[in-house]
Amino acid sequence: MADEHGSWKTFGERLVYDNRWVQVGLTDVQAPNGERWEYHVVHLARIAIALIVNDRDEALMLWRYRFATEQWGYELLGGMVDDGEEAAITAAREAAEESGWEPVGEPQHLVSFEPLPGQVTAPVDVYLWRDAKHIGEPTDTEEVGRVEWVPLSRVPELAQRQELLGAGTLVSLLYYLASRDA
């Protein structure tokens, strides 16, 4: 990649903040114009998302509040991948904990992406299941929300109203809708 027009060179990074959820680094970079400086980079943990779609063409989601953006909206199920855990296992576990619905069968890897690659590393892996069984009430008391099967036909309207929270939810649903029609 270093030979491609417009590529940046990196000479190392030093962490200035480090905890389980977020790291902030200063990366020694040289821009394509030759200028060199320390660039702030935020590193977030890998996230795994479960997109569970039933035979009525509905997706399992939580209606919840996010304090950082002061928004209510729908969010797919998922969470941070633990060290040594496979992302698909995380997605299934988080779905069950957050909703009380356990994905059934082998997942299909749907898509992986980085939502803000300019200054943030935040890898997201999305897995698709087409069946789930209700196993009880949600057990994750921090991820409280109203569990709903939301018709996929509502996705464009919900996106327009900014009621699909986060890139993980928006990218997953739009990718699924676009790829299934292809």
N, C-alpha and C. Protein backbone atom coordinates (compact mmCIF):
# COMPACT_ATOMS: atom_id res chain seq x y z
N MET A 1 0.80 -1.20 0.00
CA MET A 1 0.00 0.00 0.00
C MET A 1 0.84 1.26 0.00
N ALA A 2 2.04 1.19 0.53
CA ALA A 2 2.85 2.39 0.65
C ALA A 2 3.15 3.03 -0.70
N ASP A 3 3.09 2.26 -1.78
CA ASP A 3 3.40 2.80 -3.09
C ASP A 3 2.18 3.42 -3.77
N GLU A 4 1.00 3.24 -3.21
CA GLU A 4 -0.20 3.79 -3.83
C GLU A 4 -0.24 5.30 -3.65
N HIS A 5 -0.74 5.99 -4.68
CA HIS A 5 -0.88 7.45 -4.64
C HIS A 5 -1.79 7.84 -3.48
N GLY A 6 -1.35 8.75 -2.64
CA GLY A 6 -2.15 9.23 -1.54
C GLY A 6 -2.00 8.45 -0.25
N SER A 7 -1.08 7.48 -0.22
CA SER A 7 -0.95 6.71 1.02
C SER A 7 -0.18 7.50 2.08
N TRP A 8 -0.47 7.19 3.32
CA TRP A 8 0.20 7.79 4.46
C TRP A 8 1.25 6.81 4.98
N LYS A 9 2.29 7.33 5.61
CA LYS A 9 3.29 6.48 6.25
C LYS A 9 3.13 6.62 7.76
N THR A 10 3.26 5.50 8.47
CA THR A 10 3.21 5.54 9.93
C THR A 10 4.56 5.08 10.48
N PHE A 11 4.96 5.72 11.58
CA PHE A 11 6.25 5.46 12.19
C PHE A 11 6.13 5.00 13.64
N GLY A 12 4.94 4.63 14.04
CA GLY A 12 4.72 4.15 15.40
C GLY A 12 3.61 4.91 16.08
N GLU A 13 3.25 4.40 17.25
CA GLU A 13 2.16 5.00 18.01
C GLU A 13 2.46 4.88 19.49
N ARG A 14 2.08 5.90 20.26
CA ARG A 14 2.18 5.81 21.72
C ARG A 14 0.79 6.03 22.30
N LEU A 15 0.44 5.15 23.24
CA LEU A 15 -0.87 5.26 23.88
C LEU A 15 -0.85 6.37 24.93
N VAL A 16 -1.88 7.20 24.93
CA VAL A 16 -2.00 8.25 25.94
C VAL A 16 -3.17 7.96 26.88
N TYR A 17 -4.03 7.01 26.52
CA TYR A 17 -5.12 6.56 27.39
C TYR A 17 -5.43 5.13 27.02
N ASP A 18 -5.64 4.27 28.04
CA ASP A 18 -5.84 2.85 27.77
C ASP A 18 -6.75 2.24 28.83
N ASN A 19 -7.89 1.70 28.40
CA ASN A 19 -8.71 0.87 29.27
C ASN A 19 -9.40 -0.19 28.44
N ARG A 20 -10.28 -0.96 29.06
CA ARG A 20 -10.92 -2.10 28.38
C ARG A 20 -11.74 -1.68 27.16
N TRP A 21 -12.38 -0.54 27.21
CA TRP A 21 -13.30 -0.13 26.16
C TRP A 21 -12.70 0.78 25.09
N VAL A 22 -11.72 1.57 25.48
CA VAL A 22 -11.19 2.55 24.52
C VAL A 22 -9.71 2.82 24.80
N GLN A 23 -8.99 3.02 23.71
CA GLN A 23 -7.60 3.46 23.79
C GLN A 23 -7.47 4.69 22.91
N VAL A 24 -6.66 5.63 23.35
CA VAL A 24 -6.36 6.80 22.54
C VAL A 24 -4.86 6.82 22.33
N GLY A 25 -4.48 6.90 21.07
CA GLY A 25 -3.06 6.91 20.74
C GLY A 25 -2.67 8.14 19.94
N LEU A 26 -1.41 8.47 20.00
CA LEU A 26 -0.84 9.48 19.11
C LEU A 26 0.05 8.73 18.14
N THR A 27 -0.35 8.75 16.87
CA THR A 27 0.37 8.02 15.84
C THR A 27 1.25 8.98 15.07
N ASP A 28 2.53 8.64 14.97
CA ASP A 28 3.50 9.43 14.21
C ASP A 28 3.26 9.12 12.73
N VAL A 29 2.74 10.10 11.98
CA VAL A 29 2.37 9.89 10.58
C VAL A 29 3.03 10.92 9.67
N GLN A 30 3.13 10.50 8.41
CA GLN A 30 3.55 11.43 7.36
C GLN A 30 2.47 11.40 6.28
N ALA A 31 1.88 12.56 6.03
CA ALA A 31 0.81 12.69 5.04
C ALA A 31 1.40 12.63 3.63
N PRO A 32 0.56 12.41 2.64
CA PRO A 32 1.04 12.35 1.26
C PRO A 32 1.79 13.61 0.80
N ASN A 33 1.49 14.75 1.42
CA ASN A 33 2.19 15.99 1.05
C ASN A 33 3.55 16.13 1.70
N GLY A 34 3.97 15.13 2.50
CA GLY A 34 5.28 15.14 3.13
C GLY A 34 5.30 15.66 4.56
N GLU A 35 4.22 16.29 5.01
CA GLU A 35 4.19 16.80 6.38
C GLU A 35 4.10 15.64 7.37
N ARG A 36 4.77 15.80 8.51
CA ARG A 36 4.80 14.75 9.52
C ARG A 36 4.40 15.32 10.87
N TRP A 37 3.54 14.61 11.61
CA TRP A 37 3.09 15.03 12.92
C TRP A 37 2.45 13.85 13.65
N GLU A 38 2.05 14.09 14.92
CA GLU A 38 1.33 13.08 15.69
C GLU A 38 -0.17 13.28 15.50
N TYR A 39 -0.84 12.20 15.12
CA TYR A 39 -2.27 12.22 14.78
C TYR A 39 -3.03 11.43 15.83
N HIS A 40 -4.09 12.00 16.38
CA HIS A 40 -4.90 11.29 17.38
C HIS A 40 -5.68 10.15 16.71
N VAL A 41 -5.61 8.97 17.32
CA VAL A 41 -6.38 7.82 16.85
C VAL A 41 -7.06 7.18 18.05
N VAL A 42 -8.35 6.92 17.90
CA VAL A 42 -9.13 6.25 18.94
C VAL A 42 -9.32 4.80 18.51
N HIS A 43 -9.01 3.88 19.43
CA HIS A 43 -9.17 2.45 19.16
C HIS A 43 -10.30 1.92 20.05
N LEU A 44 -11.35 1.40 19.43
CA LEU A 44 -12.45 0.78 20.16
C LEU A 44 -12.37 -0.73 19.99
N ALA A 45 -12.95 -1.45 20.93
CA ALA A 45 -12.93 -2.91 20.89
C ALA A 45 -13.77 -3.42 19.72
N ARG A 46 -13.44 -4.63 19.25
CA ARG A 46 -14.22 -5.30 18.19
C ARG A 46 -15.63 -5.55 18.71
N ILE A 47 -16.61 -5.29 17.87
CA ILE A 47 -18.02 -5.49 18.19
C ILE A 47 -18.59 -6.56 17.28
N ALA A 48 -19.43 -7.42 17.84
CA ALA A 48 -20.14 -8.44 17.06
C ALA A 48 -21.64 -8.17 17.17
N ILE A 49 -22.31 -8.20 16.03
CA ILE A 49 -23.74 -7.89 15.97
C ILE A 49 -24.51 -9.10 15.44
N ALA A 50 -25.66 -9.35 16.05
CA ALA A 50 -26.56 -10.41 15.60
C ALA A 50 -27.74 -9.77 14.88
N LEU A 51 -27.88 -10.12 13.61
CA LEU A 51 -29.08 -9.75 12.86
C LEU A 51 -29.91 -11.02 12.77
N ILE A 52 -31.02 -11.03 13.49
CA ILE A 52 -31.91 -12.19 13.51
C ILE A 52 -33.17 -11.79 12.75
N VAL A 53 -33.43 -12.50 11.66
CA VAL A 53 -34.59 -12.21 10.81
C VAL A 53 -35.51 -13.43 10.85
N ASN A 54 -36.79 -13.20 11.14
CA ASN A 54 -37.73 -14.32 11.22
C ASN A 54 -38.44 -14.53 9.87
N ASP A 55 -39.33 -15.51 9.83
CA ASP A 55 -40.01 -15.85 8.57
C ASP A 55 -41.10 -14.84 8.20
N ARG A 56 -41.37 -13.87 9.06
CA ARG A 56 -42.31 -12.79 8.75
C ARG A 56 -41.58 -11.54 8.25
N ASP A 57 -40.28 -11.68 7.95
CA ASP A 57 -39.46 -10.58 7.45
C ASP A 57 -39.35 -9.45 8.48
N GLU A 58 -39.09 -9.86 9.73
CA GLU A 58 -38.89 -8.92 10.82
C GLU A 58 -37.51 -9.17 11.43
N ALA A 59 -36.92 -8.11 11.94
CA ALA A 59 -35.62 -8.20 12.61
C ALA A 59 -35.82 -7.96 14.10
N LEU A 60 -35.12 -8.74 14.92
CA LEU A 60 -35.18 -8.59 16.37
C LEU A 60 -34.29 -7.42 16.78
N MET A 61 -34.92 -6.43 17.47
CA MET A 61 -34.18 -5.24 17.89
C MET A 61 -34.63 -4.79 19.27
N LEU A 62 -33.83 -3.91 19.85
CA LEU A 62 -34.19 -3.24 21.10
C LEU A 62 -34.54 -1.79 20.79
N TRP A 63 -35.62 -1.29 21.38
CA TRP A 63 -35.90 0.14 21.39
C TRP A 63 -35.29 0.63 22.70
N ARG A 64 -34.32 1.55 22.62
CA ARG A 64 -33.56 1.93 23.81
C ARG A 64 -33.06 3.35 23.72
N TYR A 65 -32.48 3.81 24.82
CA TYR A 65 -31.95 5.17 24.91
C TYR A 65 -30.43 5.10 24.95
N ARG A 66 -29.79 6.00 24.20
CA ARG A 66 -28.33 6.15 24.24
C ARG A 66 -28.01 7.55 24.76
N PHE A 67 -27.40 7.60 25.95
CA PHE A 67 -27.16 8.88 26.60
C PHE A 67 -26.14 9.76 25.89
N ALA A 68 -25.12 9.15 25.26
CA ALA A 68 -24.05 9.95 24.64
C ALA A 68 -24.60 10.85 23.52
N THR A 69 -25.59 10.35 22.79
CA THR A 69 -26.19 11.15 21.71
C THR A 69 -27.59 11.64 22.07
N GLU A 70 -28.04 11.31 23.28
CA GLU A 70 -29.36 11.69 23.76
C GLU A 70 -30.45 11.30 22.76
N GLN A 71 -30.45 10.02 22.37
CA GLN A 71 -31.38 9.52 21.37
C GLN A 71 -32.09 8.26 21.84
N TRP A 72 -33.35 8.15 21.46
CA TRP A 72 -34.11 6.92 21.54
C TRP A 72 -34.12 6.32 20.14
N GLY A 73 -34.10 5.01 20.05
CA GLY A 73 -34.20 4.38 18.74
C GLY A 73 -34.01 2.88 18.82
N TYR A 74 -34.02 2.27 17.65
CA TYR A 74 -33.85 0.82 17.53
C TYR A 74 -32.39 0.48 17.34
N GLU A 75 -32.00 -0.63 17.94
CA GLU A 75 -30.62 -1.10 17.83
C GLU A 75 -30.63 -2.62 17.70
N LEU A 76 -29.77 -3.13 16.82
CA LEU A 76 -29.59 -4.57 16.75
C LEU A 76 -28.86 -5.04 18.01
N LEU A 77 -28.88 -6.32 18.25
CA LEU A 77 -28.28 -6.91 19.43
C LEU A 77 -26.80 -7.19 19.18
N GLY A 78 -25.99 -7.01 20.20
CA GLY A 78 -24.57 -7.30 20.04
C GLY A 78 -23.75 -6.67 21.13
N GLY A 79 -22.44 -6.84 21.02
CA GLY A 79 -21.56 -6.27 22.03
C GLY A 79 -20.11 -6.55 21.75
N MET A 80 -19.31 -6.20 22.73
CA MET A 80 -17.85 -6.29 22.63
C MET A 80 -17.39 -7.74 22.65
N VAL A 81 -16.50 -8.08 21.74
CA VAL A 81 -15.93 -9.43 21.65
C VAL A 81 -14.88 -9.58 22.74
N ASP A 82 -15.07 -10.59 23.58
CA ASP A 82 -14.10 -10.87 24.65
C ASP A 82 -12.84 -11.49 24.07
N ASP A 83 -11.72 -11.28 24.74
CA ASP A 83 -10.46 -11.89 24.32
C ASP A 83 -10.62 -13.40 24.18
N GLY A 84 -10.21 -13.93 23.05
CA GLY A 84 -10.26 -15.36 22.82
C GLY A 84 -11.61 -15.89 22.36
N GLU A 85 -12.61 -15.03 22.29
CA GLU A 85 -13.95 -15.47 21.88
C GLU A 85 -14.14 -15.17 20.39
N GLU A 86 -14.79 -16.08 19.69
CA GLU A 86 -15.11 -15.85 18.29
C GLU A 86 -16.26 -14.85 18.20
N ALA A 87 -16.21 -13.99 17.21
CA ALA A 87 -17.21 -12.93 17.07
C ALA A 87 -18.62 -13.49 16.94
N ALA A 88 -18.81 -14.59 16.21
CA ALA A 88 -20.15 -15.16 16.06
C ALA A 88 -20.70 -15.65 17.40
N ILE A 89 -19.83 -16.18 18.25
CA ILE A 89 -20.24 -16.64 19.58
C ILE A 89 -20.67 -15.43 20.42
N THR A 90 -19.90 -14.35 20.32
CA THR A 90 -20.26 -13.12 21.03
C THR A 90 -21.62 -12.62 20.59
N ALA A 91 -21.84 -12.57 19.28
CA ALA A 91 -23.12 -12.06 18.76
C ALA A 91 -24.29 -12.88 19.29
N ALA A 92 -24.16 -14.21 19.28
CA ALA A 92 -25.23 -15.08 19.78
C ALA A 92 -25.44 -14.89 21.28
N ARG A 93 -24.36 -14.84 22.03
CA ARG A 93 -24.45 -14.66 23.49
C ARG A 93 -25.11 -13.33 23.84
N GLU A 94 -24.66 -12.26 23.18
CA GLU A 94 -25.21 -10.94 23.45
C GLU A 94 -26.69 -10.86 23.08
N ALA A 95 -27.07 -11.50 21.98
CA ALA A 95 -28.48 -11.50 21.57
C ALA A 95 -29.34 -12.13 22.66
N ALA A 96 -28.90 -13.26 23.18
CA ALA A 96 -29.66 -13.95 24.23
C ALA A 96 -29.72 -13.12 25.51
N GLU A 97 -28.58 -12.55 25.91
CA GLU A 97 -28.53 -11.76 27.13
C GLU A 97 -29.40 -10.51 27.05
N GLU A 98 -29.37 -9.83 25.89
CA GLU A 98 -30.06 -8.55 25.74
C GLU A 98 -31.54 -8.69 25.44
N SER A 99 -31.95 -9.82 24.86
CA SER A 99 -33.34 -9.94 24.39
C SER A 99 -34.12 -11.11 24.98
N GLY A 100 -33.42 -12.14 25.46
CA GLY A 100 -34.10 -13.35 25.87
C GLY A 100 -34.41 -14.28 24.69
N TRP A 101 -33.90 -13.95 23.52
CA TRP A 101 -34.05 -14.78 22.33
C TRP A 101 -32.68 -15.32 21.94
N GLU A 102 -32.57 -16.64 21.79
CA GLU A 102 -31.31 -17.29 21.44
C GLU A 102 -31.32 -17.64 19.95
N PRO A 103 -30.32 -17.17 19.21
CA PRO A 103 -30.25 -17.54 17.79
C PRO A 103 -30.13 -19.06 17.63
N VAL A 104 -30.77 -19.58 16.59
CA VAL A 104 -30.78 -21.02 16.33
C VAL A 104 -30.05 -21.29 15.02
N GLY A 105 -29.19 -22.30 15.03
CA GLY A 105 -28.49 -22.71 13.82
C GLY A 105 -27.16 -22.02 13.63
N GLU A 106 -26.54 -22.34 12.52
CA GLU A 106 -25.24 -21.75 12.19
C GLU A 106 -25.43 -20.35 11.63
N PRO A 107 -24.64 -19.40 12.10
CA PRO A 107 -24.77 -18.05 11.56
C PRO A 107 -24.11 -17.92 10.19
N GLN A 108 -24.58 -16.97 9.45
CA GLN A 108 -23.95 -16.58 8.19
C GLN A 108 -23.22 -15.27 8.45
N HIS A 109 -21.91 -15.21 8.14
CA HIS A 109 -21.21 -13.94 8.26
C HIS A 109 -21.77 -13.02 7.20
N LEU A 110 -22.33 -11.92 7.61
CA LEU A 110 -22.99 -11.01 6.67
C LEU A 110 -22.03 -9.97 6.13
N VAL A 111 -21.35 -9.25 7.03
CA VAL A 111 -20.44 -8.18 6.60
C VAL A 111 -19.57 -7.76 7.78
N SER A 112 -18.39 -7.25 7.47
CA SER A 112 -17.51 -6.62 8.46
C SER A 112 -17.15 -5.24 7.95
N PHE A 113 -17.01 -4.29 8.85
CA PHE A 113 -16.70 -2.93 8.41
C PHE A 113 -16.07 -2.12 9.53
N GLU A 114 -15.50 -0.99 9.16
CA GLU A 114 -14.95 0.01 10.07
C GLU A 114 -15.79 1.28 9.86
N PRO A 115 -16.56 1.72 10.86
CA PRO A 115 -17.48 2.83 10.63
C PRO A 115 -16.86 4.22 10.50
N LEU A 116 -15.69 4.46 11.08
CA LEU A 116 -15.08 5.79 11.06
C LEU A 116 -13.57 5.70 10.85
N PRO A 117 -13.10 5.25 9.68
CA PRO A 117 -11.68 4.94 9.52
C PRO A 117 -10.73 6.13 9.49
N GLY A 118 -11.23 7.34 9.51
CA GLY A 118 -10.34 8.50 9.47
C GLY A 118 -9.54 8.68 10.75
N GLN A 119 -10.16 8.46 11.89
CA GLN A 119 -9.48 8.64 13.18
C GLN A 119 -9.81 7.57 14.19
N VAL A 120 -10.62 6.58 13.81
CA VAL A 120 -11.09 5.60 14.77
C VAL A 120 -10.94 4.20 14.18
N THR A 121 -10.41 3.26 14.99
CA THR A 121 -10.50 1.85 14.63
C THR A 121 -11.61 1.27 15.49
N ALA A 122 -12.60 0.67 14.84
CA ALA A 122 -13.76 0.13 15.55
C ALA A 122 -14.33 -1.02 14.73
N PRO A 123 -13.63 -2.14 14.65
CA PRO A 123 -14.09 -3.24 13.79
C PRO A 123 -15.44 -3.80 14.23
N VAL A 124 -16.31 -4.00 13.25
CA VAL A 124 -17.65 -4.52 13.50
C VAL A 124 -17.86 -5.74 12.59
N ASP A 125 -18.29 -6.85 13.19
CA ASP A 125 -18.62 -8.07 12.45
C ASP A 125 -20.09 -8.36 12.65
N VAL A 126 -20.80 -8.63 11.55
CA VAL A 126 -22.24 -8.85 11.61
C VAL A 126 -22.55 -10.27 11.15
N TYR A 127 -23.39 -10.95 11.95
CA TYR A 127 -23.79 -12.32 11.65
C TYR A 127 -25.31 -12.40 11.54
N LEU A 128 -25.76 -13.21 10.59
CA LEU A 128 -27.18 -13.35 10.30
C LEU A 128 -27.67 -14.72 10.74
N TRP A 129 -28.79 -14.72 11.44
CA TRP A 129 -29.53 -15.94 11.76
C TRP A 129 -30.95 -15.77 11.24
N ARG A 130 -31.56 -16.86 10.84
CA ARG A 130 -32.93 -16.81 10.33
C ARG A 130 -33.92 -17.50 11.27
N ASP A 131 -33.48 -17.76 12.49
CA ASP A 131 -34.36 -18.38 13.47
C ASP A 131 -33.82 -18.10 14.87
N ALA A 132 -34.73 -18.03 15.84
CA ALA A 132 -34.35 -17.85 17.24
C ALA A 132 -35.45 -18.45 18.10
N LYS A 133 -35.06 -18.87 19.29
CA LYS A 133 -36.07 -19.38 20.23
C LYS A 133 -36.07 -18.51 21.48
N HIS A 134 -37.26 -18.29 22.01
CA HIS A 134 -37.41 -17.49 23.21
C HIS A 134 -37.01 -18.33 24.41
N ILE A 135 -36.03 -17.86 25.19
CA ILE A 135 -35.51 -18.62 26.33
C ILE A 135 -35.83 -17.97 27.66
N GLY A 136 -36.48 -16.82 27.64
CA GLY A 136 -36.83 -16.15 28.88
C GLY A 136 -36.65 -14.65 28.77
N GLU A 137 -36.55 -14.03 29.92
CA GLU A 137 -36.36 -12.58 29.97
C GLU A 137 -34.89 -12.23 29.73
N PRO A 138 -34.61 -11.01 29.25
CA PRO A 138 -33.22 -10.57 29.11
C PRO A 138 -32.50 -10.63 30.45
N THR A 139 -31.22 -11.00 30.42
CA THR A 139 -30.44 -11.08 31.65
C THR A 139 -29.43 -9.95 31.79
N ASP A 140 -29.18 -9.20 30.73
CA ASP A 140 -28.24 -8.08 30.78
C ASP A 140 -29.00 -6.84 31.23
N THR A 141 -28.86 -6.48 32.51
CA THR A 141 -29.63 -5.37 33.07
C THR A 141 -29.10 -4.00 32.67
N GLU A 142 -27.91 -3.92 32.08
CA GLU A 142 -27.39 -2.63 31.59
C GLU A 142 -27.96 -2.30 30.21
N GLU A 143 -28.21 -3.32 29.43
CA GLU A 143 -28.70 -3.12 28.05
C GLU A 143 -30.22 -3.24 28.03
N VAL A 144 -30.88 -2.38 28.80
CA VAL A 144 -32.32 -2.45 28.94
C VAL A 144 -32.99 -1.76 27.76
N GLY A 145 -34.02 -2.41 27.26
CA GLY A 145 -34.81 -1.83 26.18
C GLY A 145 -36.06 -2.64 25.96
N ARG A 146 -36.89 -2.16 25.07
CA ARG A 146 -38.10 -2.90 24.70
C ARG A 146 -37.74 -3.80 23.53
N VAL A 147 -37.86 -5.10 23.71
CA VAL A 147 -37.52 -6.08 22.68
C VAL A 147 -38.67 -6.12 21.67
N GLU A 148 -38.34 -5.97 20.38
CA GLU A 148 -39.38 -5.96 19.35
C GLU A 148 -38.90 -6.68 18.10
N TRP A 149 -39.85 -7.32 17.42
CA TRP A 149 -39.63 -7.82 16.07
C TRP A 149 -40.12 -6.70 15.15
N VAL A 150 -39.19 -6.04 14.47
CA VAL A 150 -39.50 -4.87 13.66
C VAL A 150 -39.55 -5.26 12.19
N PRO A 151 -40.66 -4.95 11.49
CA PRO A 151 -40.74 -5.27 10.07
C PRO A 151 -39.61 -4.59 9.28
N LEU A 152 -38.93 -5.36 8.44
CA LEU A 152 -37.84 -4.80 7.64
C LEU A 152 -38.34 -3.75 6.66
N SER A 153 -39.61 -3.79 6.33
CA SER A 153 -40.19 -2.77 5.45
C SER A 153 -40.14 -1.38 6.08
N ARG A 154 -39.96 -1.30 7.40
CA ARG A 154 -39.88 -0.01 8.10
C ARG A 154 -38.48 0.59 8.12
N VAL A 155 -37.47 -0.17 7.68
CA VAL A 155 -36.08 0.30 7.77
C VAL A 155 -35.87 1.66 7.11
N PRO A 156 -36.31 1.89 5.86
CA PRO A 156 -36.08 3.22 5.27
C PRO A 156 -36.71 4.36 6.08
N GLU A 157 -37.92 4.15 6.55
CA GLU A 157 -38.62 5.17 7.36
C GLU A 157 -37.88 5.42 8.67
N LEU A 158 -37.46 4.36 9.34
CA LEU A 158 -36.75 4.51 10.60
C LEU A 158 -35.40 5.18 10.39
N ALA A 159 -34.73 4.86 9.30
CA ALA A 159 -33.45 5.52 8.99
C ALA A 159 -33.66 7.00 8.74
N GLN A 160 -34.68 7.34 8.00
CA GLN A 160 -34.98 8.75 7.69
C GLN A 160 -35.27 9.53 8.97
N ARG A 161 -35.96 8.89 9.91
CA ARG A 161 -36.31 9.55 11.18
C ARG A 161 -35.17 9.47 12.20
N GLN A 162 -34.03 8.93 11.82
CA GLN A 162 -32.86 8.76 12.69
C GLN A 162 -33.21 7.94 13.93
N GLU A 163 -34.02 6.89 13.71
CA GLU A 163 -34.40 5.99 14.80
C GLU A 163 -33.72 4.63 14.69
N LEU A 164 -32.69 4.53 13.85
CA LEU A 164 -31.82 3.35 13.83
C LEU A 164 -30.50 3.82 14.43
N LEU A 165 -30.20 3.36 15.62
CA LEU A 165 -29.06 3.89 16.36
C LEU A 165 -27.75 3.23 15.94
N GLY A 166 -26.81 4.05 15.56
CA GLY A 166 -25.46 3.60 15.29
C GLY A 166 -25.23 3.01 13.92
N ALA A 167 -23.97 3.10 13.52
CA ALA A 167 -23.56 2.55 12.22
C ALA A 167 -23.75 1.05 12.17
N GLY A 168 -23.56 0.36 13.28
CA GLY A 168 -23.72 -1.09 13.29
C GLY A 168 -25.11 -1.51 12.89
N THR A 169 -26.12 -0.84 13.41
CA THR A 169 -27.50 -1.15 13.07
C THR A 169 -27.81 -0.72 11.65
N LEU A 170 -27.47 0.50 11.30
CA LEU A 170 -27.80 1.03 9.98
C LEU A 170 -27.11 0.27 8.85
N VAL A 171 -25.81 0.07 8.97
CA VAL A 171 -25.06 -0.65 7.93
C VAL A 171 -25.58 -2.08 7.81
N SER A 172 -25.78 -2.75 8.93
CA SER A 172 -26.23 -4.15 8.90
C SER A 172 -27.56 -4.30 8.18
N LEU A 173 -28.52 -3.48 8.55
CA LEU A 173 -29.85 -3.59 7.95
C LEU A 173 -29.84 -3.20 6.47
N LEU A 174 -29.18 -2.11 6.14
CA LEU A 174 -29.15 -1.68 4.73
C LEU A 174 -28.38 -2.68 3.87
N TYR A 175 -27.28 -3.23 4.39
CA TYR A 175 -26.53 -4.23 3.64
C TYR A 175 -27.38 -5.48 3.42
N TYR A 176 -28.06 -5.92 4.48
CA TYR A 176 -28.91 -7.10 4.36
C TYR A 176 -29.99 -6.89 3.30
N LEU A 177 -30.68 -5.75 3.37
CA LEU A 177 -31.75 -5.48 2.40
C LEU A 177 -31.21 -5.40 0.97
N ALA A 178 -30.08 -4.75 0.79
CA ALA A 178 -29.49 -4.61 -0.56
C ALA A 178 -28.99 -5.95 -1.09
N SER A 179 -28.38 -6.76 -0.22
CA SER A 179 -27.77 -8.01 -0.70
C SER A 179 -28.81 -9.10 -0.94
N ARG A 180 -29.90 -9.09 -0.23
CA ARG A 180 -30.90 -10.13 -0.44
C ARG A 180 -31.68 -9.90 -1.73
N ASP A 181 -31.72 -8.66 -2.18
CA ASP A 181 -32.42 -8.34 -3.42
C ASP A 181 -31.52 -8.46 -4.65
N ALA A 182 -30.22 -8.65 -4.40
CA ALA A 182 -29.26 -8.71 -5.53
C ALA A 182 -29.28 -10.07 -6.20
